[in-house]
């Protein structure tokens, strides 16, 4: 890993963190596209509530996708960019039901659960490696997303 010496991390740590970040990137990319689909296709009496909320979410996701890719580059690796890689490596699956508001919110909550779990795994890995940059990024994401989970869950009346 060509940047490991420049940022003071071991090359093998950078490699394993970058690999895990590429899995996270895959999940974020599928989550992003599912949310775009929900934004475009939402129907019914929840349209005016959820349409802008989904746009807010996918705008947040695209920023995180870019930050994760840039962190992978900082670690000296290459971010994956092919949807074939994303589909193969993502625990989040492509959503086909994107017009029912309640189903979309349930899918979003499920996606957040997956993302948060992966980020917690990265917290453990990066803590052991002394990778404060990735660790801080994951910690910030989790803090923000836990609140999002609470709000979407409240929307469902749970």
N, C-alpha and C. Protein backbone atom coordinates (compact mmCIF):
# COMPACT_ATOMS: atom_id res chain seq x y z
N UNK A 1 0.86 -1.16 0.00
CA UNK A 1 0.00 0.00 0.00
C UNK A 1 0.91 1.23 0.00
N UNK A 2 0.87 1.93 -1.08
CA UNK A 2 1.84 3.00 -1.31
C UNK A 2 1.75 4.18 -0.34
N UNK A 3 0.63 4.44 0.25
CA UNK A 3 0.50 5.60 1.15
C UNK A 3 0.70 5.25 2.62
N UNK A 4 0.86 3.96 2.95
CA UNK A 4 0.88 3.56 4.35
C UNK A 4 2.00 4.25 5.12
N UNK A 5 3.19 4.33 4.56
CA UNK A 5 4.29 5.01 5.25
C UNK A 5 4.02 6.49 5.39
N UNK A 6 3.37 7.08 4.41
CA UNK A 6 3.10 8.51 4.45
C UNK A 6 2.12 8.89 5.55
N UNK A 7 1.21 7.99 5.90
CA UNK A 7 0.24 8.31 6.94
C UNK A 7 0.50 7.53 8.23
N UNK A 8 1.60 6.79 8.28
CA UNK A 8 2.03 6.14 9.51
C UNK A 8 1.30 4.87 9.88
N UNK A 9 0.74 4.19 8.91
CA UNK A 9 0.05 2.92 9.17
C UNK A 9 0.79 1.78 8.48
N UNK A 10 0.62 0.58 9.00
CA UNK A 10 1.23 -0.60 8.39
C UNK A 10 0.51 -0.93 7.09
N UNK A 11 1.28 -1.35 6.11
CA UNK A 11 0.73 -1.67 4.78
C UNK A 11 -0.34 -2.75 4.87
N UNK A 12 -0.11 -3.78 5.68
CA UNK A 12 -1.10 -4.87 5.77
C UNK A 12 -2.39 -4.38 6.43
N UNK A 13 -2.29 -3.44 7.37
CA UNK A 13 -3.49 -2.86 7.97
C UNK A 13 -4.26 -2.03 6.94
N UNK A 14 -3.52 -1.24 6.18
CA UNK A 14 -4.17 -0.43 5.13
C UNK A 14 -4.91 -1.32 4.14
N UNK A 15 -4.28 -2.41 3.77
CA UNK A 15 -4.89 -3.33 2.80
C UNK A 15 -6.20 -3.92 3.34
N UNK A 16 -6.17 -4.42 4.57
CA UNK A 16 -7.39 -5.04 5.12
C UNK A 16 -8.49 -4.01 5.37
N UNK A 17 -8.11 -2.81 5.79
CA UNK A 17 -9.11 -1.76 6.00
C UNK A 17 -9.71 -1.34 4.66
N UNK A 18 -8.88 -1.18 3.64
CA UNK A 18 -9.37 -0.79 2.32
C UNK A 18 -10.31 -1.85 1.75
N UNK A 19 -10.00 -3.11 1.96
CA UNK A 19 -10.88 -4.19 1.48
C UNK A 19 -12.24 -4.10 2.16
N UNK A 20 -12.24 -3.88 3.46
CA UNK A 20 -13.51 -3.76 4.20
C UNK A 20 -14.26 -2.50 3.79
N UNK A 21 -13.51 -1.42 3.52
CA UNK A 21 -14.15 -0.19 3.05
C UNK A 21 -14.79 -0.39 1.68
N UNK A 22 -14.18 -1.22 0.82
CA UNK A 22 -14.79 -1.49 -0.48
C UNK A 22 -16.09 -2.28 -0.33
N UNK A 23 -16.17 -3.14 0.67
CA UNK A 23 -17.44 -3.82 0.96
C UNK A 23 -18.47 -2.80 1.44
N UNK A 24 -18.03 -1.90 2.32
CA UNK A 24 -18.93 -0.84 2.79
C UNK A 24 -19.38 0.03 1.62
N UNK A 25 -18.46 0.36 0.74
CA UNK A 25 -18.77 1.15 -0.45
C UNK A 25 -19.83 0.45 -1.31
N UNK A 26 -19.71 -0.85 -1.44
CA UNK A 26 -20.69 -1.64 -2.19
C UNK A 26 -22.08 -1.50 -1.58
N UNK A 27 -22.15 -1.64 -0.27
CA UNK A 27 -23.43 -1.54 0.42
C UNK A 27 -24.01 -0.14 0.32
N UNK A 28 -23.17 0.87 0.48
CA UNK A 28 -23.65 2.24 0.34
C UNK A 28 -24.18 2.50 -1.07
N UNK A 29 -23.51 1.96 -2.07
CA UNK A 29 -23.91 2.21 -3.46
C UNK A 29 -25.26 1.59 -3.79
N UNK A 30 -25.50 0.39 -3.29
CA UNK A 30 -26.81 -0.24 -3.51
C UNK A 30 -27.88 0.49 -2.69
N UNK A 31 -27.56 0.85 -1.46
CA UNK A 31 -28.46 1.62 -0.61
C UNK A 31 -28.84 2.94 -1.29
N UNK A 32 -27.84 3.61 -1.84
CA UNK A 32 -28.06 4.87 -2.55
C UNK A 32 -29.04 4.68 -3.71
N UNK A 33 -28.78 3.68 -4.55
CA UNK A 33 -29.62 3.48 -5.73
C UNK A 33 -31.03 3.07 -5.34
N UNK A 34 -31.16 2.25 -4.30
CA UNK A 34 -32.50 1.89 -3.81
C UNK A 34 -33.26 3.13 -3.34
N UNK A 35 -32.55 4.02 -2.66
CA UNK A 35 -33.19 5.24 -2.16
C UNK A 35 -33.58 6.15 -3.31
N UNK A 36 -32.73 6.24 -4.34
CA UNK A 36 -33.11 7.01 -5.54
C UNK A 36 -34.38 6.44 -6.15
N UNK A 37 -34.43 5.12 -6.25
CA UNK A 37 -35.62 4.47 -6.80
C UNK A 37 -36.86 4.79 -6.00
N UNK A 38 -36.74 4.78 -4.68
CA UNK A 38 -37.88 5.12 -3.82
C UNK A 38 -38.29 6.58 -4.03
N UNK A 39 -37.32 7.45 -4.13
CA UNK A 39 -37.60 8.88 -4.35
C UNK A 39 -38.35 9.08 -5.67
N UNK A 40 -37.90 8.41 -6.71
CA UNK A 40 -38.51 8.56 -8.02
C UNK A 40 -39.90 7.95 -8.10
N UNK A 41 -40.12 6.86 -7.40
CA UNK A 41 -41.32 6.04 -7.62
C UNK A 41 -42.34 6.04 -6.51
N UNK A 42 -42.11 6.76 -5.44
CA UNK A 42 -43.04 6.76 -4.31
C UNK A 42 -44.42 7.24 -4.78
N UNK A 43 -45.47 6.58 -4.29
CA UNK A 43 -46.84 6.90 -4.68
C UNK A 43 -47.71 7.01 -3.43
N UNK A 44 -48.84 7.62 -3.59
CA UNK A 44 -49.85 7.63 -2.54
C UNK A 44 -49.79 8.84 -1.62
N UNK A 45 -50.53 8.70 -0.52
CA UNK A 45 -50.71 9.83 0.38
C UNK A 45 -49.44 10.20 1.15
N UNK A 46 -48.42 9.37 1.12
CA UNK A 46 -47.16 9.69 1.78
C UNK A 46 -46.15 10.37 0.85
N UNK A 47 -46.56 10.59 -0.39
CA UNK A 47 -45.64 11.16 -1.38
C UNK A 47 -44.98 12.45 -0.89
N UNK A 48 -45.78 13.43 -0.46
CA UNK A 48 -45.24 14.73 -0.10
C UNK A 48 -44.40 14.69 1.18
N UNK A 49 -44.58 13.68 1.99
CA UNK A 49 -43.75 13.49 3.18
C UNK A 49 -42.44 12.80 2.83
N UNK A 50 -42.54 11.71 2.07
CA UNK A 50 -41.36 10.86 1.85
C UNK A 50 -40.50 11.28 0.67
N UNK A 51 -41.09 11.83 -0.37
CA UNK A 51 -40.31 12.23 -1.54
C UNK A 51 -39.13 13.14 -1.14
N UNK A 52 -39.34 14.22 -0.41
CA UNK A 52 -38.18 15.06 -0.02
C UNK A 52 -37.28 14.38 1.02
N UNK A 53 -37.83 13.55 1.87
CA UNK A 53 -37.02 12.83 2.86
C UNK A 53 -36.07 11.86 2.18
N UNK A 54 -36.56 11.17 1.15
CA UNK A 54 -35.70 10.25 0.41
C UNK A 54 -34.60 11.01 -0.35
N UNK A 55 -34.93 12.18 -0.87
CA UNK A 55 -33.92 13.00 -1.54
C UNK A 55 -32.85 13.44 -0.55
N UNK A 56 -33.25 13.84 0.62
CA UNK A 56 -32.30 14.23 1.68
C UNK A 56 -31.38 13.05 2.00
N UNK A 57 -31.96 11.86 2.09
CA UNK A 57 -31.17 10.67 2.41
C UNK A 57 -30.19 10.33 1.29
N UNK A 58 -30.64 10.30 0.04
CA UNK A 58 -29.70 9.91 -1.01
C UNK A 58 -28.61 10.96 -1.21
N UNK A 59 -28.89 12.22 -0.93
CA UNK A 59 -27.84 13.24 -0.98
C UNK A 59 -26.79 13.00 0.11
N UNK A 60 -27.23 12.58 1.27
CA UNK A 60 -26.31 12.24 2.35
C UNK A 60 -25.49 11.00 1.99
N UNK A 61 -26.14 10.00 1.39
CA UNK A 61 -25.45 8.77 1.01
C UNK A 61 -24.38 9.02 -0.05
N UNK A 62 -24.67 9.86 -1.03
CA UNK A 62 -23.69 10.10 -2.10
C UNK A 62 -22.45 10.80 -1.55
N UNK A 63 -22.63 11.66 -0.57
CA UNK A 63 -21.46 12.30 0.05
C UNK A 63 -20.60 11.27 0.78
N UNK A 64 -21.25 10.34 1.46
CA UNK A 64 -20.51 9.30 2.18
C UNK A 64 -19.81 8.36 1.20
N UNK A 65 -20.46 8.05 0.10
CA UNK A 65 -19.83 7.21 -0.93
C UNK A 65 -18.53 7.86 -1.40
N UNK A 66 -18.57 9.15 -1.65
CA UNK A 66 -17.37 9.86 -2.09
C UNK A 66 -16.29 9.86 -1.00
N UNK A 67 -16.69 10.10 0.24
CA UNK A 67 -15.72 10.12 1.34
C UNK A 67 -15.08 8.75 1.55
N UNK A 68 -15.87 7.69 1.43
CA UNK A 68 -15.33 6.34 1.59
C UNK A 68 -14.35 6.03 0.47
N UNK A 69 -14.71 6.37 -0.77
CA UNK A 69 -13.80 6.14 -1.90
C UNK A 69 -12.50 6.91 -1.71
N UNK A 70 -12.60 8.15 -1.26
CA UNK A 70 -11.39 8.95 -1.04
C UNK A 70 -10.56 8.40 0.12
N UNK A 71 -11.21 7.83 1.13
CA UNK A 71 -10.46 7.22 2.23
C UNK A 71 -9.71 5.98 1.74
N UNK A 72 -10.34 5.19 0.87
CA UNK A 72 -9.67 4.03 0.27
C UNK A 72 -8.43 4.49 -0.48
N UNK A 73 -8.55 5.56 -1.24
CA UNK A 73 -7.40 6.11 -1.96
C UNK A 73 -6.33 6.60 -1.00
N UNK A 74 -6.73 7.23 0.08
CA UNK A 74 -5.79 7.71 1.08
C UNK A 74 -4.99 6.55 1.67
N UNK A 75 -5.63 5.41 1.81
CA UNK A 75 -4.96 4.23 2.34
C UNK A 75 -4.07 3.55 1.29
N UNK A 76 -4.08 4.05 0.07
CA UNK A 76 -3.22 3.53 -0.98
C UNK A 76 -3.84 2.44 -1.82
N UNK A 77 -5.13 2.27 -1.73
CA UNK A 77 -5.83 1.25 -2.51
C UNK A 77 -6.74 1.91 -3.53
N UNK A 78 -7.43 1.07 -4.29
CA UNK A 78 -8.34 1.58 -5.32
C UNK A 78 -9.78 1.29 -4.94
N UNK A 79 -10.63 2.33 -4.95
CA UNK A 79 -12.05 2.08 -4.68
C UNK A 79 -12.69 1.37 -5.87
N UNK A 80 -13.51 0.38 -5.56
CA UNK A 80 -14.24 -0.30 -6.61
C UNK A 80 -15.33 0.63 -7.14
N UNK A 81 -15.63 0.50 -8.42
CA UNK A 81 -16.62 1.38 -9.02
C UNK A 81 -17.63 0.66 -9.91
N UNK A 82 -17.52 -0.64 -9.99
CA UNK A 82 -18.41 -1.40 -10.87
C UNK A 82 -19.59 -1.95 -10.10
N UNK A 83 -20.78 -1.80 -10.67
CA UNK A 83 -21.96 -2.33 -10.02
C UNK A 83 -21.91 -3.85 -9.92
N UNK A 84 -21.20 -4.53 -10.82
CA UNK A 84 -21.06 -5.99 -10.69
C UNK A 84 -20.34 -6.34 -9.39
N UNK A 85 -19.33 -5.55 -9.01
CA UNK A 85 -18.64 -5.75 -7.74
C UNK A 85 -19.59 -5.44 -6.58
N UNK A 86 -20.31 -4.33 -6.71
CA UNK A 86 -21.23 -3.92 -5.65
C UNK A 86 -22.28 -5.00 -5.38
N UNK A 87 -22.90 -5.49 -6.42
CA UNK A 87 -23.96 -6.49 -6.27
C UNK A 87 -23.40 -7.77 -5.64
N UNK A 88 -22.21 -8.15 -6.07
CA UNK A 88 -21.58 -9.37 -5.55
C UNK A 88 -21.19 -9.23 -4.08
N UNK A 89 -20.77 -8.04 -3.66
CA UNK A 89 -20.19 -7.85 -2.33
C UNK A 89 -21.10 -7.14 -1.34
N UNK A 90 -22.29 -6.78 -1.74
CA UNK A 90 -23.21 -6.06 -0.87
C UNK A 90 -24.17 -7.01 -0.18
N UNK A 91 -24.35 -6.82 1.11
CA UNK A 91 -25.39 -7.54 1.84
C UNK A 91 -26.76 -6.93 1.56
N UNK A 92 -26.77 -5.65 1.23
CA UNK A 92 -28.00 -4.97 0.85
C UNK A 92 -28.32 -5.37 -0.59
N UNK A 93 -29.52 -5.81 -0.80
CA UNK A 93 -29.93 -6.25 -2.14
C UNK A 93 -30.70 -5.16 -2.86
N UNK A 94 -30.71 -5.24 -4.18
CA UNK A 94 -31.49 -4.29 -4.96
C UNK A 94 -32.96 -4.41 -4.59
N UNK A 95 -33.61 -3.28 -4.43
CA UNK A 95 -35.02 -3.25 -4.06
C UNK A 95 -35.89 -3.19 -5.31
N UNK A 96 -36.92 -4.00 -5.32
CA UNK A 96 -37.88 -3.97 -6.42
C UNK A 96 -39.16 -3.26 -6.04
N UNK A 97 -39.42 -3.14 -4.73
CA UNK A 97 -40.63 -2.49 -4.25
C UNK A 97 -40.29 -1.08 -3.81
N UNK A 98 -40.56 -0.11 -4.68
CA UNK A 98 -40.14 1.26 -4.40
C UNK A 98 -41.29 2.27 -4.48
N UNK A 99 -42.52 1.79 -4.49
CA UNK A 99 -43.63 2.75 -4.56
C UNK A 99 -44.44 2.80 -3.27
N UNK A 100 -44.38 1.78 -2.44
CA UNK A 100 -45.10 1.75 -1.17
C UNK A 100 -44.23 2.40 -0.09
N UNK A 101 -44.71 3.50 0.47
CA UNK A 101 -43.93 4.27 1.43
C UNK A 101 -43.48 3.50 2.64
N UNK A 102 -44.37 2.72 3.23
CA UNK A 102 -44.01 1.96 4.43
C UNK A 102 -42.96 0.91 4.11
N UNK A 103 -43.11 0.23 2.98
CA UNK A 103 -42.12 -0.78 2.57
C UNK A 103 -40.76 -0.12 2.31
N UNK A 104 -40.77 1.04 1.69
CA UNK A 104 -39.50 1.75 1.43
C UNK A 104 -38.81 2.11 2.73
N UNK A 105 -39.56 2.60 3.71
CA UNK A 105 -38.97 2.97 5.00
C UNK A 105 -38.43 1.72 5.71
N UNK A 106 -39.16 0.62 5.62
CA UNK A 106 -38.66 -0.63 6.21
C UNK A 106 -37.36 -1.06 5.55
N UNK A 107 -37.27 -0.93 4.23
CA UNK A 107 -36.03 -1.26 3.51
C UNK A 107 -34.89 -0.33 3.92
N UNK A 108 -35.21 0.94 4.09
CA UNK A 108 -34.19 1.91 4.54
C UNK A 108 -33.68 1.53 5.92
N UNK A 109 -34.57 1.17 6.82
CA UNK A 109 -34.14 0.75 8.16
C UNK A 109 -33.28 -0.50 8.12
N UNK A 110 -33.64 -1.43 7.27
CA UNK A 110 -32.84 -2.64 7.12
C UNK A 110 -31.45 -2.31 6.56
N UNK A 111 -31.41 -1.38 5.61
CA UNK A 111 -30.13 -0.97 5.03
C UNK A 111 -29.26 -0.26 6.06
N UNK A 112 -29.87 0.61 6.86
CA UNK A 112 -29.12 1.26 7.93
C UNK A 112 -28.54 0.24 8.89
N UNK A 113 -29.31 -0.79 9.22
CA UNK A 113 -28.82 -1.83 10.14
C UNK A 113 -27.56 -2.47 9.57
N UNK A 114 -27.59 -2.82 8.30
CA UNK A 114 -26.43 -3.43 7.64
C UNK A 114 -25.24 -2.49 7.64
N UNK A 115 -25.46 -1.24 7.25
CA UNK A 115 -24.40 -0.24 7.18
C UNK A 115 -23.78 -0.01 8.56
N UNK A 116 -24.62 0.15 9.56
CA UNK A 116 -24.11 0.43 10.91
C UNK A 116 -23.30 -0.76 11.42
N UNK A 117 -23.76 -1.97 11.17
CA UNK A 117 -23.00 -3.15 11.59
C UNK A 117 -21.62 -3.18 10.93
N UNK A 118 -21.56 -2.92 9.65
CA UNK A 118 -20.27 -2.89 8.94
C UNK A 118 -19.36 -1.80 9.50
N UNK A 119 -19.93 -0.65 9.78
CA UNK A 119 -19.14 0.46 10.31
C UNK A 119 -18.62 0.13 11.71
N UNK A 120 -19.41 -0.58 12.51
CA UNK A 120 -18.94 -1.00 13.83
C UNK A 120 -17.78 -1.99 13.70
N UNK A 121 -17.86 -2.89 12.73
CA UNK A 121 -16.74 -3.80 12.47
C UNK A 121 -15.49 -3.01 12.10
N UNK A 122 -15.68 -2.01 11.27
CA UNK A 122 -14.54 -1.17 10.88
C UNK A 122 -13.97 -0.41 12.07
N UNK A 123 -14.82 0.01 13.00
CA UNK A 123 -14.32 0.67 14.22
C UNK A 123 -13.34 -0.23 14.96
N UNK A 124 -13.68 -1.50 15.10
CA UNK A 124 -12.79 -2.44 15.79
C UNK A 124 -11.47 -2.61 15.05
N UNK A 125 -11.56 -2.80 13.74
CA UNK A 125 -10.36 -3.01 12.92
C UNK A 125 -9.46 -1.77 12.94
N UNK A 126 -10.07 -0.62 12.75
CA UNK A 126 -9.28 0.61 12.66
C UNK A 126 -8.72 1.03 14.01
N UNK A 127 -9.43 0.70 15.08
CA UNK A 127 -8.91 1.00 16.42
C UNK A 127 -7.62 0.21 16.66
N UNK A 128 -7.64 -1.07 16.33
CA UNK A 128 -6.46 -1.93 16.52
C UNK A 128 -5.30 -1.48 15.64
N UNK A 129 -5.61 -0.95 14.46
CA UNK A 129 -4.57 -0.52 13.52
C UNK A 129 -4.07 0.90 13.81
N UNK A 130 -4.74 1.61 14.69
CA UNK A 130 -4.37 3.00 14.96
C UNK A 130 -4.77 3.95 13.83
N UNK A 131 -5.77 3.54 13.06
CA UNK A 131 -6.23 4.34 11.92
C UNK A 131 -7.33 5.29 12.39
N UNK A 132 -6.91 6.39 12.97
CA UNK A 132 -7.84 7.36 13.51
C UNK A 132 -8.69 8.00 12.41
N UNK A 133 -8.15 8.18 11.21
CA UNK A 133 -8.90 8.80 10.11
C UNK A 133 -10.15 8.02 9.75
N UNK A 134 -9.99 6.73 9.50
CA UNK A 134 -11.15 5.89 9.17
C UNK A 134 -12.04 5.72 10.38
N UNK A 135 -11.44 5.54 11.54
CA UNK A 135 -12.20 5.36 12.77
C UNK A 135 -13.12 6.55 13.03
N UNK A 136 -12.59 7.74 12.89
CA UNK A 136 -13.37 8.95 13.12
C UNK A 136 -14.52 9.06 12.13
N UNK A 137 -14.24 8.73 10.87
CA UNK A 137 -15.27 8.77 9.83
C UNK A 137 -16.42 7.82 10.17
N UNK A 138 -16.08 6.59 10.57
CA UNK A 138 -17.10 5.60 10.90
C UNK A 138 -17.90 6.04 12.13
N UNK A 139 -17.21 6.56 13.11
CA UNK A 139 -17.88 7.03 14.33
C UNK A 139 -18.88 8.15 14.02
N UNK A 140 -18.47 9.09 13.19
CA UNK A 140 -19.37 10.19 12.80
C UNK A 140 -20.59 9.66 12.05
N UNK A 141 -20.37 8.71 11.14
CA UNK A 141 -21.48 8.14 10.38
C UNK A 141 -22.47 7.45 11.32
N UNK A 142 -21.95 6.64 12.24
CA UNK A 142 -22.82 5.89 13.15
C UNK A 142 -23.66 6.85 13.99
N UNK A 143 -23.04 7.88 14.52
CA UNK A 143 -23.77 8.85 15.34
C UNK A 143 -24.94 9.46 14.56
N UNK A 144 -24.68 9.86 13.33
CA UNK A 144 -25.71 10.45 12.48
C UNK A 144 -26.80 9.43 12.15
N UNK A 145 -26.39 8.23 11.81
CA UNK A 145 -27.33 7.22 11.34
C UNK A 145 -28.19 6.63 12.45
N UNK A 146 -27.67 6.57 13.66
CA UNK A 146 -28.51 6.11 14.77
C UNK A 146 -29.71 7.04 14.95
N UNK A 147 -29.50 8.33 14.78
CA UNK A 147 -30.60 9.28 14.87
C UNK A 147 -31.58 9.08 13.71
N UNK A 148 -31.05 8.85 12.52
CA UNK A 148 -31.91 8.58 11.36
C UNK A 148 -32.77 7.35 11.60
N UNK A 149 -32.18 6.31 12.17
CA UNK A 149 -32.92 5.08 12.46
C UNK A 149 -34.07 5.39 13.42
N UNK A 150 -33.79 6.15 14.45
CA UNK A 150 -34.83 6.54 15.41
C UNK A 150 -35.97 7.27 14.69
N UNK A 151 -35.62 8.22 13.80
CA UNK A 151 -36.66 9.00 13.13
C UNK A 151 -37.48 8.15 12.17
N UNK A 152 -36.82 7.32 11.35
CA UNK A 152 -37.57 6.47 10.42
C UNK A 152 -38.42 5.46 11.19
N UNK A 153 -37.90 4.93 12.28
CA UNK A 153 -38.66 4.01 13.11
C UNK A 153 -39.88 4.70 13.72
N UNK A 154 -39.71 5.94 14.14
CA UNK A 154 -40.83 6.72 14.67
C UNK A 154 -41.89 6.95 13.61
N UNK A 155 -41.46 7.19 12.38
CA UNK A 155 -42.40 7.36 11.27
C UNK A 155 -43.31 6.14 11.15
N UNK A 156 -42.73 4.95 11.34
CA UNK A 156 -43.49 3.71 11.25
C UNK A 156 -44.32 3.45 12.50
N UNK A 157 -44.18 4.31 13.49
CA UNK A 157 -44.94 4.15 14.72
C UNK A 157 -44.36 3.13 15.66
N UNK A 158 -43.07 2.89 15.54
CA UNK A 158 -42.41 1.88 16.39
C UNK A 158 -41.53 2.54 17.43
